[in-house]
Protein backbone atom coordinates (compact mmCIF):
# COMPACT_ATOMS: atom_id res chain seq x y z
CA MET A 1 -41.67 103.79 8.09
CA ASP A 2 -39.75 101.14 6.17
CA PHE A 3 -38.73 97.62 6.97
CA LEU A 4 -37.21 97.27 3.51
CA GLN A 5 -34.92 99.66 1.71
CA ARG A 6 -36.73 102.41 -0.16
CA ILE A 7 -36.17 102.62 -3.88
CA PHE A 8 -36.86 105.96 -5.54
CA LYS A 9 -37.37 107.36 -9.04
CA ARG A 10 -39.68 104.70 -10.37
CA PRO A 11 -42.57 105.60 -12.68
CA GLY A 12 -45.29 104.02 -10.59
CA PHE A 13 -46.09 101.81 -7.63
CA LEU A 14 -48.69 99.33 -6.51
CA GLY A 15 -50.29 99.37 -3.08
CA LEU A 16 -51.84 96.25 -1.58
CA ASP A 17 -54.41 96.02 1.20
CA ILE A 18 -54.64 92.48 2.57
CA GLY A 19 -58.06 92.15 4.18
CA SER A 20 -59.90 89.16 5.59
CA TYR A 21 -62.66 89.65 3.00
CA SER A 22 -60.68 90.64 -0.09
CA LEU A 23 -57.42 91.82 -1.61
CA LYS A 24 -57.40 95.39 -2.87
CA LEU A 25 -54.72 96.57 -5.28
CA ALA A 26 -54.14 100.17 -6.35
CA GLU A 27 -51.65 101.64 -8.82
CA ALA A 28 -50.40 105.22 -8.86
CA TYR A 29 -47.85 107.32 -10.69
CA GLN A 30 -46.65 110.90 -10.54
CA LYS A 31 -47.06 113.31 -13.44
CA GLY A 32 -45.24 116.53 -12.62
CA SER A 33 -46.54 117.59 -9.23
CA GLN A 34 -49.77 115.61 -9.64
CA ILE A 35 -50.31 112.13 -8.20
CA VAL A 36 -52.58 110.01 -10.38
CA ILE A 37 -54.46 106.84 -9.41
CA SER A 38 -54.38 104.80 -12.60
CA ASN A 39 -55.72 101.43 -11.50
CA PHE A 40 -57.75 99.83 -8.73
CA GLY A 41 -59.35 96.45 -8.23
CA GLN A 42 -60.26 93.90 -5.63
CA ILE A 43 -60.91 90.19 -5.43
CA ARG A 44 -62.80 88.16 -2.86
CA LEU A 45 -60.74 85.80 -0.71
CA PRO A 46 -61.95 82.37 0.35
CA SER A 47 -63.15 82.29 3.94
CA GLY A 48 -60.25 81.87 6.36
CA ALA A 49 -57.51 82.57 3.80
CA VAL A 50 -56.47 85.69 5.74
CA THR A 51 -57.21 86.38 9.39
CA ALA A 52 -56.24 89.63 11.13
CA GLY A 53 -53.76 90.46 8.38
CA ILE A 54 -52.03 87.06 8.56
CA VAL A 55 -52.11 84.78 5.53
CA LYS A 56 -53.39 81.38 6.67
CA ASP A 57 -53.92 79.74 3.26
CA GLU A 58 -50.95 80.58 1.02
CA GLU A 59 -52.29 78.70 -2.02
CA ALA A 60 -55.62 80.53 -1.94
CA PHE A 61 -53.87 83.85 -1.39
CA LEU A 62 -51.45 83.37 -4.31
CA GLU A 63 -54.25 82.28 -6.64
CA ALA A 64 -56.36 85.31 -5.70
CA PHE A 65 -53.49 87.77 -6.09
CA ASN A 66 -52.44 86.36 -9.46
CA THR A 67 -56.03 86.52 -10.73
CA LEU A 68 -56.37 90.14 -9.62
CA TYR A 69 -52.97 91.10 -11.02
CA MET A 70 -53.68 89.55 -14.42
CA HIS A 71 -57.09 91.21 -14.56
CA LEU A 72 -55.74 94.69 -13.77
CA LYS A 73 -52.64 94.38 -16.00
CA PRO A 74 -50.72 97.08 -14.08
CA ARG A 75 -47.76 98.82 -15.68
CA SER A 76 -45.74 98.72 -12.50
CA SER A 77 -44.53 95.63 -10.67
CA PHE A 78 -43.10 97.49 -7.66
CA LEU A 79 -45.31 96.79 -4.68
CA ASN A 80 -45.78 98.59 -1.37
CA LEU A 81 -47.32 96.40 1.28
CA GLY A 82 -48.95 97.51 4.51
CA LEU A 83 -48.82 95.68 7.84
CA TYR A 84 -51.94 95.81 9.99
CA ALA A 85 -51.71 97.74 13.23
CA TYR A 86 -52.35 94.64 15.33
CA THR A 87 -49.36 92.82 13.83
CA VAL A 88 -47.07 95.71 14.80
CA PHE A 89 -45.95 97.19 18.11
CA TYR A 90 -45.39 100.95 17.98
CA ASP A 91 -45.10 103.83 20.40
CA ARG A 92 -43.62 107.26 21.01
CA ILE A 93 -40.83 107.55 23.51
CA PRO A 94 -38.26 110.14 24.61
CA VAL A 95 -34.66 109.16 23.99
CA GLY A 96 -32.00 110.70 26.19
CA PHE A 97 -28.39 110.62 25.11
CA THR A 98 -25.11 112.13 26.19
CA GLU A 99 -22.73 114.17 24.08
CA GLY A 100 -20.66 111.89 21.89
CA GLU A 101 -23.01 108.92 22.37
CA ASP A 102 -24.21 107.14 19.23
CA PHE A 103 -27.84 108.20 18.83
CA ASN A 104 -28.86 105.03 16.97
CA GLN A 105 -27.51 102.90 19.81
CA ALA A 106 -29.35 105.06 22.35
CA VAL A 107 -32.58 104.55 20.37
CA LEU A 108 -32.06 100.80 20.21
CA SER A 109 -31.51 100.62 23.97
CA GLU A 110 -34.73 102.56 24.64
CA ILE A 111 -36.77 100.47 22.19
CA GLU A 112 -35.47 97.29 23.79
CA SER A 113 -36.66 98.47 27.19
CA PHE A 114 -40.19 99.17 25.86
CA ILE A 115 -40.97 96.12 23.75
CA PRO A 116 -42.20 92.73 25.05
CA PHE A 117 -39.94 90.86 22.60
CA ASN A 118 -36.32 89.89 22.22
CA ILE A 119 -34.62 92.57 20.12
CA ASP A 120 -33.01 89.87 17.97
CA ASP A 121 -36.46 88.58 16.96
CA ILE A 122 -37.78 91.83 15.50
CA TYR A 123 -37.30 94.32 12.71
CA TYR A 124 -37.60 97.92 13.85
CA ASP A 125 -37.57 101.42 12.44
CA TYR A 126 -37.95 104.86 13.96
CA VAL A 127 -38.39 108.51 13.06
CA PRO A 128 -37.23 111.45 15.23
CA LEU A 129 -40.18 113.76 15.85
CA LEU A 130 -39.05 116.70 17.95
CA GLN A 131 -36.37 117.75 20.37
CA LYS A 132 -37.94 118.01 23.83
CA GLU A 133 -34.83 119.47 25.44
CA GLU A 134 -31.09 119.33 25.00
CA ASN A 135 -29.92 115.72 24.56
CA ASN A 136 -33.52 114.46 24.59
CA ILE A 137 -35.47 113.70 21.40
CA GLU A 138 -38.93 112.16 21.05
CA ILE A 139 -39.15 109.40 18.47
CA ILE A 140 -41.89 107.21 17.08
CA PHE A 141 -40.86 103.63 16.50
CA ALA A 142 -42.44 100.48 15.13
CA THR A 143 -41.42 96.87 15.53
CA VAL A 144 -42.61 93.66 13.90
CA GLN A 145 -41.69 90.04 14.39
CA LYS A 146 -39.00 88.91 11.93
CA GLU A 147 -40.77 85.59 11.47
CA TYR A 148 -43.92 87.34 10.22
CA VAL A 149 -42.10 89.64 7.78
CA ASP A 150 -39.80 86.87 6.52
CA LYS A 151 -42.82 84.70 5.72
CA LEU A 152 -44.40 87.57 3.79
CA MET A 153 -41.22 88.08 1.81
CA GLU A 154 -41.05 84.37 0.99
CA LEU A 155 -44.70 84.47 -0.09
CA PHE A 156 -44.30 87.48 -2.37
CA ALA A 157 -41.13 86.05 -3.89
CA LYS A 158 -43.50 83.58 -5.60
CA LEU A 159 -45.36 86.41 -7.35
CA LYS A 160 -44.55 88.55 -10.39
CA VAL A 161 -43.98 91.64 -8.27
CA GLU A 162 -41.02 93.19 -6.50
CA LEU A 163 -41.49 94.35 -2.93
CA ASN A 164 -40.47 97.99 -2.78
CA ALA A 165 -41.39 98.63 0.86
CA ILE A 166 -43.17 97.03 3.77
CA ASP A 167 -44.94 99.77 5.68
CA VAL A 168 -47.38 100.03 8.57
CA ASP A 169 -50.93 100.78 7.43
CA ILE A 170 -51.64 103.39 10.07
CA PHE A 171 -48.46 105.29 9.18
CA ALA A 172 -49.50 105.29 5.54
CA LEU A 173 -52.96 106.57 6.55
CA SER A 174 -51.37 109.31 8.66
CA ASN A 175 -49.16 110.42 5.77
CA LEU A 176 -52.12 110.43 3.39
CA TRP A 177 -54.28 112.57 5.70
CA GLU A 178 -51.45 115.00 6.33
CA TYR A 179 -50.90 115.32 2.58
CA LEU A 180 -54.59 115.94 1.92
CA TYR A 181 -55.50 118.13 4.89
CA GLY A 182 -52.34 119.06 6.78
CA PRO A 183 -51.44 118.03 10.35
CA GLY A 184 -54.25 117.72 12.87
CA LYS A 185 -55.82 115.94 15.84
CA ARG A 186 -57.93 113.25 14.21
CA LEU A 187 -59.73 109.97 14.72
CA ILE A 188 -59.96 107.64 11.73
CA LEU A 189 -62.45 104.79 12.10
CA ASP A 190 -61.74 101.91 9.74
CA ILE A 191 -64.82 99.65 9.73
CA GLY A 192 -63.70 96.33 8.30
CA TYR A 193 -65.11 92.91 7.54
CA GLY A 194 -63.58 90.89 10.36
CA ARG A 195 -62.82 93.72 12.77
CA SER A 196 -62.48 97.50 12.96
CA LEU A 197 -59.78 99.91 14.06
CA ALA A 198 -59.79 103.29 15.79
CA VAL A 199 -56.68 105.28 14.84
CA PHE A 200 -55.84 108.48 16.73
CA LEU A 201 -53.49 111.02 15.16
CA ASP A 202 -52.00 114.30 16.29
CA GLU A 203 -49.87 116.88 14.49
CA ASN A 204 -46.88 114.50 14.50
CA GLY A 205 -48.63 111.40 13.21
CA PRO A 206 -50.00 108.19 14.79
CA LEU A 207 -50.42 108.38 18.53
CA PHE A 208 -52.67 105.49 19.55
CA SER A 209 -54.81 102.80 17.95
CA ARG A 210 -57.29 100.30 19.31
CA GLU A 211 -58.64 97.21 17.64
CA ILE A 212 -62.41 96.68 17.83
CA ASP A 213 -63.63 93.11 17.50
CA LEU A 214 -66.60 94.08 15.35
CA GLY A 215 -66.92 94.02 11.58
CA THR A 216 -69.57 93.47 8.96
CA SER A 217 -69.06 89.70 9.16
CA LYS A 218 -70.67 89.93 12.61
CA ILE A 219 -73.87 91.16 10.95
CA ILE A 220 -73.83 88.29 8.47
CA ARG A 221 -73.10 85.74 11.21
CA ASN A 222 -76.09 86.93 13.23
CA ILE A 223 -78.35 86.83 10.17
CA VAL A 224 -77.26 83.24 9.48
CA GLN A 225 -77.97 82.23 13.08
CA GLU A 226 -81.26 84.08 13.50
CA LEU A 227 -82.79 83.13 10.14
CA GLU A 228 -81.12 79.70 9.90
CA VAL A 229 -79.80 80.29 6.39
CA SER A 230 -76.48 79.54 4.68
CA TRP A 231 -73.56 81.98 4.83
CA GLU A 232 -74.03 82.75 1.12
CA GLU A 233 -77.69 83.56 1.70
CA GLY A 234 -76.79 85.66 4.75
CA GLU A 235 -74.41 87.75 2.62
CA LYS A 236 -77.18 88.41 0.11
CA LEU A 237 -79.72 89.30 2.79
CA HIS A 238 -77.44 91.77 4.57
CA LEU A 239 -77.19 93.75 1.31
CA GLN A 240 -80.78 93.37 0.14
CA ILE A 241 -83.03 93.44 3.20
CA PRO A 242 -86.38 91.78 2.42
CA GLU A 243 -89.82 92.84 3.60
CA GLY A 244 -91.75 91.10 6.34
CA GLU A 245 -90.56 89.34 9.47
CA ALA A 246 -87.11 88.46 8.06
CA GLY A 247 -86.52 92.10 7.19
CA TYR A 248 -87.50 93.19 10.69
CA THR A 249 -85.05 90.69 12.19
CA ILE A 250 -82.22 91.90 9.98
CA ARG A 251 -82.92 95.54 10.86
CA GLU A 252 -82.76 94.63 14.53
CA ILE A 253 -79.38 92.94 13.91
CA TYR A 254 -78.12 96.13 12.26
CA SER A 255 -79.38 98.23 15.17
CA GLU A 256 -77.54 96.00 17.64
CA PHE A 257 -74.36 96.25 15.57
CA PHE A 258 -74.64 100.06 15.49
CA ARG A 259 -75.07 100.20 19.29
CA ASN A 260 -72.20 97.80 19.99
CA LEU A 261 -69.87 99.65 17.63
CA LEU A 262 -70.78 102.97 19.22
CA GLU A 263 -70.01 101.56 22.67
CA GLU A 264 -66.59 100.30 21.54
CA ILE A 265 -65.73 103.63 19.91
CA GLU A 266 -66.72 105.44 23.11
CA ASN A 267 -64.48 103.06 25.06
CA SER A 268 -61.63 103.83 22.67
CA LEU A 269 -62.16 107.56 23.11
CA ASN A 270 -62.22 107.25 26.89
CA ILE A 271 -58.98 105.24 26.94
CA PHE A 272 -57.34 107.74 24.62
CA LYS A 273 -58.45 110.82 26.57
CA ALA A 274 -57.35 109.26 29.88
CA LYS A 275 -53.86 108.73 28.46
CA TYR A 276 -53.35 111.82 26.30
CA TYR A 277 -55.68 114.45 27.85
CA PHE A 278 -57.26 115.73 24.64
CA SER A 279 -59.94 114.73 22.16
CA PRO A 280 -59.79 114.51 18.37
CA GLU A 281 -60.99 117.62 16.57
CA GLU A 282 -62.34 115.71 13.58
CA VAL A 283 -63.46 112.18 12.76
CA TYR A 284 -63.38 110.26 9.47
CA VAL A 285 -65.04 106.92 8.69
CA ILE A 286 -63.55 104.58 6.08
CA GLY A 287 -63.50 100.86 5.26
CA GLY A 288 -66.03 98.62 3.59
CA GLY A 289 -68.29 98.81 6.64
CA SER A 290 -68.55 102.58 6.26
CA LEU A 291 -70.75 101.91 3.21
CA ILE A 292 -73.56 100.65 5.47
CA PRO A 293 -76.44 103.13 4.99
CA GLY A 294 -76.96 105.34 8.02
CA LEU A 295 -73.92 104.18 10.00
CA GLU A 296 -71.87 107.35 9.76
CA GLU A 297 -74.93 109.50 10.51
CA PHE A 298 -75.71 107.36 13.57
CA LEU A 299 -72.16 107.71 14.91
CA ALA A 300 -72.07 111.45 14.26
CA GLU A 301 -75.36 112.00 16.04
CA ASN A 302 -74.33 110.04 19.12
CA LEU A 303 -70.64 110.89 19.45
CA LYS A 304 -71.11 114.65 19.00
CA PHE A 305 -67.80 115.09 17.19
CA ASN A 306 -67.01 116.89 13.97
CA PHE A 307 -67.43 114.14 11.37
CA ARG A 308 -65.83 115.23 8.12
CA SER A 309 -66.23 113.90 4.61
CA PHE A 310 -63.16 112.43 2.98
CA SER A 311 -62.21 112.47 -0.69
CA LEU A 312 -58.99 111.36 -2.35
CA GLN A 313 -59.84 113.84 -5.10
CA ASP A 314 -59.14 116.73 -2.74
CA LYS A 315 -55.54 116.44 -3.97
CA LEU A 316 -55.20 113.26 -6.04
CA SER A 317 -56.36 112.65 -9.60
CA PHE A 318 -57.93 109.56 -11.14
CA SER A 319 -57.43 108.36 -14.68
CA LYS A 320 -60.25 109.35 -17.03
CA ASP A 321 -61.57 105.80 -17.37
CA PHE A 322 -62.66 105.64 -13.70
CA ASP A 323 -66.42 105.67 -13.17
CA PRO A 324 -67.49 108.36 -10.64
CA GLU A 325 -69.41 105.80 -8.58
CA TYR A 326 -66.35 103.57 -8.46
CA ILE A 327 -64.29 106.51 -7.20
CA ASP A 328 -66.86 106.99 -4.42
CA TYR A 329 -66.38 103.34 -3.50
CA ILE A 330 -62.58 103.68 -3.47
CA ASN A 331 -62.91 106.74 -1.20
CA LYS A 332 -64.40 104.39 1.41
CA ALA A 333 -63.16 100.86 0.82
CA GLY A 334 -59.92 101.43 -1.11
CA VAL A 335 -58.12 103.99 1.05
CA LEU A 336 -55.46 101.67 2.50
CA ALA A 337 -54.42 100.35 -0.92
CA VAL A 338 -54.21 103.89 -2.33
CA ALA A 339 -52.23 105.11 0.71
CA GLN A 340 -49.63 102.42 0.03
CA ALA A 341 -49.54 103.06 -3.72
CA ILE A 342 -48.70 106.77 -3.28
CA ARG A 343 -46.36 106.52 -0.28
CA GLU A 344 -43.15 107.19 -2.24
CA PHE A 345 -44.60 110.37 -3.75
CA LEU A 346 -45.25 111.86 -0.31
CA VAL A 347 -41.63 111.72 0.85
């Protein structure tokens, strides 16, 4: 779904994932019927530069993006940007209209009745999904505050890129999964640094999402508090667990994180099933947090769902200079950036 005009027939596109831990930038182009990932990189952000998808420190953000862009030297300057689910309000609604009535006006009236904002303060877009009955069509719509988008556009006007589209991350994920595996009832768990997200899809795309206030930074924070070390030392320890008493403490912190995350995912599933009366048929785990050893196995064992492996290479190609281990990393931590980079090729 677009909040900016789409521009077609360009040789390649960039996709940007703005996280609280890092910026991730992917580049893709189309060669015949094949979509090729030609570039990928990430750069660490200073603490607090981005929170929940909102840029708090513009100077730090611009410096980080420019450094990453100069390092990657992409061929394209046309950028697709994703908005985080928790900065966007979206839903599916039926729209009734009478013969001769302007459908767009009928949609606008319905959206206005559903959203907790003034219609003049938002950008909106919608896609018709299916006709439920005569003169009644179900749509999926998304809205975002104009102030938020306008600030992003002002920010990116300072960079050597041209915004091609501003999308919603979960819609880009839905399109990517449908392209790779066809329509389906799915749960995608994105385990992030600051927080995580449970995204529920059905055959027509995004249906429901729930933010989970748990991310890998929670593990680091607990290590810092329990062992009385600096944040920098806590980051090192959470990746390289030592032996002895400190190692035991860190393993207990991981165990608590696993249990708390499981509880929140179960809560998300219960809320979803109470509202939509079905369960996902398959589950995928992505995000930097999905790289934690044993996490996916723990969730699969306790949730009793069909956890499936995910690989961009099921349909996409990577340039020959990509290291196989780096591709494995992108399959977990780089999915959102790739989903934005290839969005125009999936239309």
